[in-house]
């Protein structure tokens, strides 16, 4: 069950202007976390890319950031029915991170791994979109530990559980495999415009 840190007061769920079906719009950005918030030292932090690549790559935080920071403006839609429509994220694009490796031709999916044994699955086609990034800032401020520092994956075209916090690795796969919430009944794709919340 999700632990809620911070509260929002919703109106009746959508459709509101600009929001997917079943969502209400808020200016707040609540913290939703499964389990405890991890404690780690940035000097010991490492990001691993493995699976269907030419060779495993492990980089430290400074090297990761040096790939290049980009800015993306996008919506954020939580599966618990709130949407924040205006967000400015700064971070490293997923597709730029993939330039660190040579991807095998049969790699079609990725499992994104995080501290605390959390993970999410998505197709490479979705992740390689121009608005998917590993964020270090949100609306001009450094992302807090509660919101996923030092790196939070942001996948604007999917429900927020796919925008995993405390990311520390990518595993490329030839077959789709469920991540943490997907193995507990959440939808494998999580498209908010199709209301892909749970497996029926």
C-alpha atoms as a PDB file:
ATOM      1  CA  UNK A   1       0.000   0.000   0.000  1.00  0.00           C
ATOM      2  CA  UNK A   2       1.212   3.501  -0.780  1.00  0.00           C
ATOM      3  CA  UNK A   3       2.294   5.765   2.043  1.00  0.00           C
ATOM      4  CA  UNK A   4       1.019   9.292   1.341  1.00  0.00           C
ATOM      5  CA  UNK A   5       3.189  12.188   2.412  1.00  0.00           C
ATOM      6  CA  UNK A   6       1.329  15.466   1.869  1.00  0.00           C
ATOM      7  CA  UNK A   7      -2.351  15.801   1.067  1.00  0.00           C
ATOM      8  CA  UNK A   8      -4.449  17.074  -1.779  1.00  0.00           C
ATOM      9  CA  UNK A   9      -8.110  17.952  -1.748  1.00  0.00           C
ATOM     10  CA  UNK A  10      -9.640  16.705  -4.975  1.00  0.00           C
ATOM     11  CA  UNK A  11     -12.807  17.746  -6.646  1.00  0.00           C
ATOM     12  CA  UNK A  12     -14.746  15.127  -8.501  1.00  0.00           C
ATOM     13  CA  UNK A  13     -12.398  13.232 -10.836  1.00  0.00           C
ATOM     14  CA  UNK A  14     -12.274  14.644 -14.413  1.00  0.00           C
ATOM     15  CA  UNK A  15     -12.654  14.976 -17.195  1.00  0.00           C
ATOM     16  CA  UNK A  16     -11.040  18.368 -16.629  1.00  0.00           C
ATOM     17  CA  UNK A  17      -9.548  20.479 -19.383  1.00  0.00           C
ATOM     18  CA  UNK A  18      -6.256  18.980 -20.441  1.00  0.00           C
ATOM     19  CA  UNK A  19      -6.442  15.969 -18.118  1.00  0.00           C
ATOM     20  CA  UNK A  20      -6.936  12.334 -19.124  1.00  0.00           C
ATOM     21  CA  UNK A  21     -10.252  10.656 -18.266  1.00  0.00           C
ATOM     22  CA  UNK A  22     -10.788   9.930 -14.578  1.00  0.00           C
ATOM     23  CA  UNK A  23      -8.252  12.564 -13.441  1.00  0.00           C
ATOM     24  CA  UNK A  24      -8.585  15.846 -11.540  1.00  0.00           C
ATOM     25  CA  UNK A  25      -6.104  18.707 -11.857  1.00  0.00           C
ATOM     26  CA  UNK A  26      -3.989  19.953  -8.960  1.00  0.00           C
ATOM     27  CA  UNK A  27      -1.088  22.371  -8.590  1.00  0.00           C
ATOM     28  CA  UNK A  28       0.351  20.285  -5.754  1.00  0.00           C
ATOM     29  CA  UNK A  29       2.826  17.453  -6.189  1.00  0.00           C
ATOM     30  CA  UNK A  30       2.178  14.865  -3.455  1.00  0.00           C
ATOM     31  CA  UNK A  31       4.782  12.308  -2.410  1.00  0.00           C
ATOM     32  CA  UNK A  32       3.670   8.712  -2.948  1.00  0.00           C
ATOM     33  CA  UNK A  33       6.150   6.092  -1.837  1.00  0.00           C
ATOM     34  CA  UNK A  34       6.125   2.322  -1.476  1.00  0.00           C
ATOM     35  CA  UNK A  35       8.253   1.288   1.498  1.00  0.00           C
ATOM     36  CA  UNK A  36      10.908   3.388   3.186  1.00  0.00           C
ATOM     37  CA  UNK A  37      12.919   6.209   1.646  1.00  0.00           C
ATOM     38  CA  UNK A  38      16.455   4.972   0.943  1.00  0.00           C
ATOM     39  CA  UNK A  39      19.561   6.430   2.499  1.00  0.00           C
ATOM     40  CA  UNK A  40      22.691   6.530   0.375  1.00  0.00           C
ATOM     41  CA  UNK A  41      25.911   8.448  -0.216  1.00  0.00           C
ATOM     42  CA  UNK A  42      26.173  10.133  -3.617  1.00  0.00           C
ATOM     43  CA  UNK A  43      29.910   9.362  -3.657  1.00  0.00           C
ATOM     44  CA  UNK A  44      29.082   5.649  -3.630  1.00  0.00           C
ATOM     45  CA  UNK A  45      26.178   5.922  -6.090  1.00  0.00           C
ATOM     46  CA  UNK A  46      26.519   4.027  -9.359  1.00  0.00           C
ATOM     47  CA  UNK A  47      24.313   3.573 -12.426  1.00  0.00           C
ATOM     48  CA  UNK A  48      24.450   0.249 -14.286  1.00  0.00           C
ATOM     49  CA  UNK A  49      23.349  -0.572 -17.837  1.00  0.00           C
ATOM     50  CA  UNK A  50      23.242  -4.292 -18.596  1.00  0.00           C
ATOM     51  CA  UNK A  51      21.250  -7.019 -20.288  1.00  0.00           C
ATOM     52  CA  UNK A  52      21.160  -7.015 -24.084  1.00  0.00           C
ATOM     53  CA  UNK A  53      24.072  -4.624 -24.628  1.00  0.00           C
ATOM     54  CA  UNK A  54      27.554  -5.142 -26.017  1.00  0.00           C
ATOM     55  CA  UNK A  55      29.021  -4.854 -22.533  1.00  0.00           C
ATOM     56  CA  UNK A  56      27.859  -3.801 -19.096  1.00  0.00           C
ATOM     57  CA  UNK A  57      28.493  -0.145 -18.269  1.00  0.00           C
ATOM     58  CA  UNK A  58      28.731   1.310 -14.768  1.00  0.00           C
ATOM     59  CA  UNK A  59      29.089   5.075 -14.256  1.00  0.00           C
ATOM     60  CA  UNK A  60      29.245   7.346 -11.214  1.00  0.00           C
ATOM     61  CA  UNK A  61      26.959  10.335 -10.669  1.00  0.00           C
ATOM     62  CA  UNK A  62      29.370  12.926 -12.063  1.00  0.00           C
ATOM     63  CA  UNK A  63      29.848  10.916 -15.256  1.00  0.00           C
ATOM     64  CA  UNK A  64      26.114  10.387 -15.619  1.00  0.00           C
ATOM     65  CA  UNK A  65      25.344  14.104 -15.323  1.00  0.00           C
ATOM     66  CA  UNK A  66      28.129  14.949 -17.782  1.00  0.00           C
ATOM     67  CA  UNK A  67      26.122  13.199 -20.537  1.00  0.00           C
ATOM     68  CA  UNK A  68      24.222  16.486 -20.775  1.00  0.00           C
ATOM     69  CA  UNK A  69      21.281  18.155 -19.055  1.00  0.00           C
ATOM     70  CA  UNK A  70      18.153  18.901 -21.092  1.00  0.00           C
ATOM     71  CA  UNK A  71      14.847  20.552 -20.153  1.00  0.00           C
ATOM     72  CA  UNK A  72      11.418  19.038 -20.766  1.00  0.00           C
ATOM     73  CA  UNK A  73       8.005  20.572 -20.062  1.00  0.00           C
ATOM     74  CA  UNK A  74       5.346  17.936 -19.560  1.00  0.00           C
ATOM     75  CA  UNK A  75       2.293  16.692 -17.693  1.00  0.00           C
ATOM     76  CA  UNK A  76       2.335  14.241 -14.783  1.00  0.00           C
ATOM     77  CA  UNK A  77      -0.596  11.875 -14.218  1.00  0.00           C
ATOM     78  CA  UNK A  78      -0.795   9.789 -11.048  1.00  0.00           C
ATOM     79  CA  UNK A  79      -2.756   6.536 -11.070  1.00  0.00           C
ATOM     80  CA  UNK A  80      -4.443   7.745  -7.858  1.00  0.00           C
ATOM     81  CA  UNK A  81      -6.347  10.190 -10.111  1.00  0.00           C
ATOM     82  CA  UNK A  82      -4.534  13.522  -9.786  1.00  0.00           C
ATOM     83  CA  UNK A  83      -2.754  15.311 -12.611  1.00  0.00           C
ATOM     84  CA  UNK A  84      -0.290  18.203 -12.503  1.00  0.00           C
ATOM     85  CA  UNK A  85      -0.342  19.623 -16.008  1.00  0.00           C
ATOM     86  CA  UNK A  86       2.598  22.035 -15.927  1.00  0.00           C
ATOM     87  CA  UNK A  87       5.982  20.605 -14.932  1.00  0.00           C
ATOM     88  CA  UNK A  88       9.476  21.594 -15.955  1.00  0.00           C
ATOM     89  CA  UNK A  89      11.979  18.790 -15.592  1.00  0.00           C
ATOM     90  CA  UNK A  90      15.748  19.045 -16.019  1.00  0.00           C
ATOM     91  CA  UNK A  91      17.846  15.951 -16.469  1.00  0.00           C
ATOM     92  CA  UNK A  92      19.481  13.487 -18.830  1.00  0.00           C
ATOM     93  CA  UNK A  93      17.380  12.126 -21.685  1.00  0.00           C
ATOM     94  CA  UNK A  94      16.929   8.340 -21.703  1.00  0.00           C
ATOM     95  CA  UNK A  95      17.976   8.165 -25.344  1.00  0.00           C
ATOM     96  CA  UNK A  96      21.210  10.036 -24.546  1.00  0.00           C
ATOM     97  CA  UNK A  97      22.033   7.536 -21.788  1.00  0.00           C
ATOM     98  CA  UNK A  98      21.601   4.735 -24.312  1.00  0.00           C
ATOM     99  CA  UNK A  99      24.479   6.189 -26.321  1.00  0.00           C
ATOM    100  CA  UNK A 100      26.802   4.743 -23.668  1.00  0.00           C
ATOM    101  CA  UNK A 101      26.136   1.228 -25.004  1.00  0.00           C
ATOM    102  CA  UNK A 102      25.539  -0.664 -28.207  1.00  0.00           C
ATOM    103  CA  UNK A 103      22.021  -2.098 -28.005  1.00  0.00           C
ATOM    104  CA  UNK A 104      21.451  -5.635 -29.292  1.00  0.00           C
ATOM    105  CA  UNK A 105      19.024  -5.896 -32.211  1.00  0.00           C
ATOM    106  CA  UNK A 106      16.670  -8.136 -30.208  1.00  0.00           C
ATOM    107  CA  UNK A 107      16.358  -5.668 -27.286  1.00  0.00           C
ATOM    108  CA  UNK A 108      12.761  -4.429 -27.286  1.00  0.00           C
ATOM    109  CA  UNK A 109      12.062  -3.669 -23.606  1.00  0.00           C
ATOM    110  CA  UNK A 110      13.756  -2.278 -20.536  1.00  0.00           C
ATOM    111  CA  UNK A 111      13.494  -2.928 -16.833  1.00  0.00           C
ATOM    112  CA  UNK A 112      14.429   0.197 -14.912  1.00  0.00           C
ATOM    113  CA  UNK A 113      15.870  -0.716 -11.512  1.00  0.00           C
ATOM    114  CA  UNK A 114      15.828   1.407  -8.361  1.00  0.00           C
ATOM    115  CA  UNK A 115      16.978   1.368  -4.767  1.00  0.00           C
ATOM    116  CA  UNK A 116      14.705  -0.719  -2.548  1.00  0.00           C
ATOM    117  CA  UNK A 117      14.088  -3.458  -5.142  1.00  0.00           C
ATOM    118  CA  UNK A 118      11.597  -1.282  -7.017  1.00  0.00           C
ATOM    119  CA  UNK A 119      11.435  -1.634 -10.793  1.00  0.00           C
ATOM    120  CA  UNK A 120       9.283  -0.669 -13.767  1.00  0.00           C
ATOM    121  CA  UNK A 121       9.046  -2.144 -17.252  1.00  0.00           C
ATOM    122  CA  UNK A 122       8.440  -0.336 -20.532  1.00  0.00           C
ATOM    123  CA  UNK A 123       9.168  -0.807 -24.203  1.00  0.00           C
ATOM    124  CA  UNK A 124      12.251   0.864 -25.627  1.00  0.00           C
ATOM    125  CA  UNK A 125       9.994   2.631 -28.128  1.00  0.00           C
ATOM    126  CA  UNK A 126       8.279   4.458 -25.251  1.00  0.00           C
ATOM    127  CA  UNK A 127      11.484   5.184 -23.339  1.00  0.00           C
ATOM    128  CA  UNK A 128      13.341   6.551 -26.358  1.00  0.00           C
ATOM    129  CA  UNK A 129      10.751   9.320 -26.797  1.00  0.00           C
ATOM    130  CA  UNK A 130      12.048  12.907 -26.749  1.00  0.00           C
ATOM    131  CA  UNK A 131      10.361  13.741 -23.422  1.00  0.00           C
ATOM    132  CA  UNK A 132      11.619  10.812 -21.306  1.00  0.00           C
ATOM    133  CA  UNK A 133      14.476  11.704 -18.996  1.00  0.00           C
ATOM    134  CA  UNK A 134      16.239  10.993 -15.719  1.00  0.00           C
ATOM    135  CA  UNK A 135      15.366  14.142 -13.810  1.00  0.00           C
ATOM    136  CA  UNK A 136      17.562  15.957 -11.301  1.00  0.00           C
ATOM    137  CA  UNK A 137      15.377  19.093 -11.033  1.00  0.00           C
ATOM    138  CA  UNK A 138      11.634  19.788 -10.965  1.00  0.00           C
ATOM    139  CA  UNK A 139      10.290  23.286 -11.550  1.00  0.00           C
ATOM    140  CA  UNK A 140      13.712  24.838 -11.028  1.00  0.00           C
ATOM    141  CA  UNK A 141      14.499  23.096  -7.740  1.00  0.00           C
ATOM    142  CA  UNK A 142      16.703  20.091  -7.053  1.00  0.00           C
ATOM    143  CA  UNK A 143      14.571  16.986  -6.678  1.00  0.00           C
ATOM    144  CA  UNK A 144      14.299  16.103  -3.014  1.00  0.00           C
ATOM    145  CA  UNK A 145      15.088  12.665  -1.648  1.00  0.00           C
ATOM    146  CA  UNK A 146      11.360  12.099  -1.041  1.00  0.00           C
ATOM    147  CA  UNK A 147      10.680  12.773  -4.730  1.00  0.00           C
ATOM    148  CA  UNK A 148      13.422  10.459  -5.965  1.00  0.00           C
ATOM    149  CA  UNK A 149      16.852  12.134  -5.731  1.00  0.00           C
ATOM    150  CA  UNK A 150      19.423  11.736  -7.038  1.00  0.00           C
ATOM    151  CA  UNK A 151      17.664  10.500 -10.205  1.00  0.00           C
ATOM    152  CA  UNK A 152      13.989  10.129 -11.019  1.00  0.00           C
ATOM    153  CA  UNK A 153      12.843   8.633 -14.295  1.00  0.00           C
ATOM    154  CA  UNK A 154      10.093  10.765 -15.863  1.00  0.00           C
ATOM    155  CA  UNK A 155       7.838   9.169 -18.492  1.00  0.00           C
ATOM    156  CA  UNK A 156       5.182  11.834 -19.187  1.00  0.00           C
ATOM    157  CA  UNK A 157       2.960   9.711 -21.425  1.00  0.00           C
ATOM    158  CA  UNK A 158       2.479   7.042 -18.747  1.00  0.00           C
ATOM    159  CA  UNK A 159       0.975   7.001 -15.245  1.00  0.00           C
ATOM    160  CA  UNK A 160       3.278   8.226 -12.512  1.00  0.00           C
ATOM    161  CA  UNK A 161       4.241   4.831 -11.110  1.00  0.00           C
ATOM    162  CA  UNK A 162       6.276   4.381 -14.306  1.00  0.00           C
ATOM    163  CA  UNK A 163       8.222   7.554 -13.382  1.00  0.00           C
ATOM    164  CA  UNK A 164      10.303   5.597 -10.916  1.00  0.00           C
ATOM    165  CA  UNK A 165      12.254   7.213  -8.082  1.00  0.00           C
ATOM    166  CA  UNK A 166      15.830   6.480  -6.901  1.00  0.00           C
ATOM    167  CA  UNK A 167      16.813   4.943 -10.232  1.00  0.00           C
ATOM    168  CA  UNK A 168      20.158   3.160 -10.404  1.00  0.00           C
ATOM    169  CA  UNK A 169      20.094   1.014 -13.515  1.00  0.00           C
ATOM    170  CA  UNK A 170      18.633  -0.176 -16.810  1.00  0.00           C
ATOM    171  CA  UNK A 171      18.357  -3.792 -17.948  1.00  0.00           C
ATOM    172  CA  UNK A 172      17.581  -4.292 -21.636  1.00  0.00           C
ATOM    173  CA  UNK A 173      15.409  -7.312 -22.489  1.00  0.00           C
ATOM    174  CA  UNK A 174      13.978  -9.128 -25.497  1.00  0.00           C
ATOM    175  CA  UNK A 175      10.674  -9.931 -23.770  1.00  0.00           C
ATOM    176  CA  UNK A 176       8.435  -7.778 -21.603  1.00  0.00           C
ATOM    177  CA  UNK A 177       8.630  -8.668 -17.911  1.00  0.00           C
ATOM    178  CA  UNK A 178       6.521  -7.127 -15.123  1.00  0.00           C
ATOM    179  CA  UNK A 179       8.124  -4.714 -12.684  1.00  0.00           C
ATOM    180  CA  UNK A 180       7.222  -4.155  -9.027  1.00  0.00           C
ATOM    181  CA  UNK A 181       3.662  -2.832  -9.404  1.00  0.00           C
ATOM    182  CA  UNK A 182       2.995  -4.646 -12.659  1.00  0.00           C
ATOM    183  CA  UNK A 183       3.536  -7.974 -10.880  1.00  0.00           C
ATOM    184  CA  UNK A 184       0.920  -6.820  -8.330  1.00  0.00           C
ATOM    185  CA  UNK A 185      -1.881  -6.185 -10.782  1.00  0.00           C
ATOM    186  CA  UNK A 186      -0.986  -2.835 -12.356  1.00  0.00           C
ATOM    187  CA  UNK A 187      -1.155  -2.550 -16.138  1.00  0.00           C
ATOM    188  CA  UNK A 188       1.972  -3.379 -18.136  1.00  0.00           C
ATOM    189  CA  UNK A 189       1.667  -0.191 -20.219  1.00  0.00           C
ATOM    190  CA  UNK A 190       0.000   2.403 -17.951  1.00  0.00           C
ATOM    191  CA  UNK A 191      -1.257   4.820 -20.631  1.00  0.00           C
ATOM    192  CA  UNK A 192      -3.416   7.435 -18.809  1.00  0.00           C
ATOM    193  CA  UNK A 193      -5.339   8.380 -21.952  1.00  0.00           C
ATOM    194  CA  UNK A 194      -6.506   4.775 -22.236  1.00  0.00           C
ATOM    195  CA  UNK A 195      -7.020   4.498 -18.434  1.00  0.00           C
ATOM    196  CA  UNK A 196      -4.642   1.534 -18.289  1.00  0.00           C
ATOM    197  CA  UNK A 197      -4.510   1.479 -14.499  1.00  0.00           C
ATOM    198  CA  UNK A 198      -4.917  -2.159 -13.559  1.00  0.00           C
ATOM    199  CA  UNK A 199      -5.206  -5.559 -15.187  1.00  0.00           C
ATOM    200  CA  UNK A 200      -8.873  -6.471 -15.307  1.00  0.00           C
END
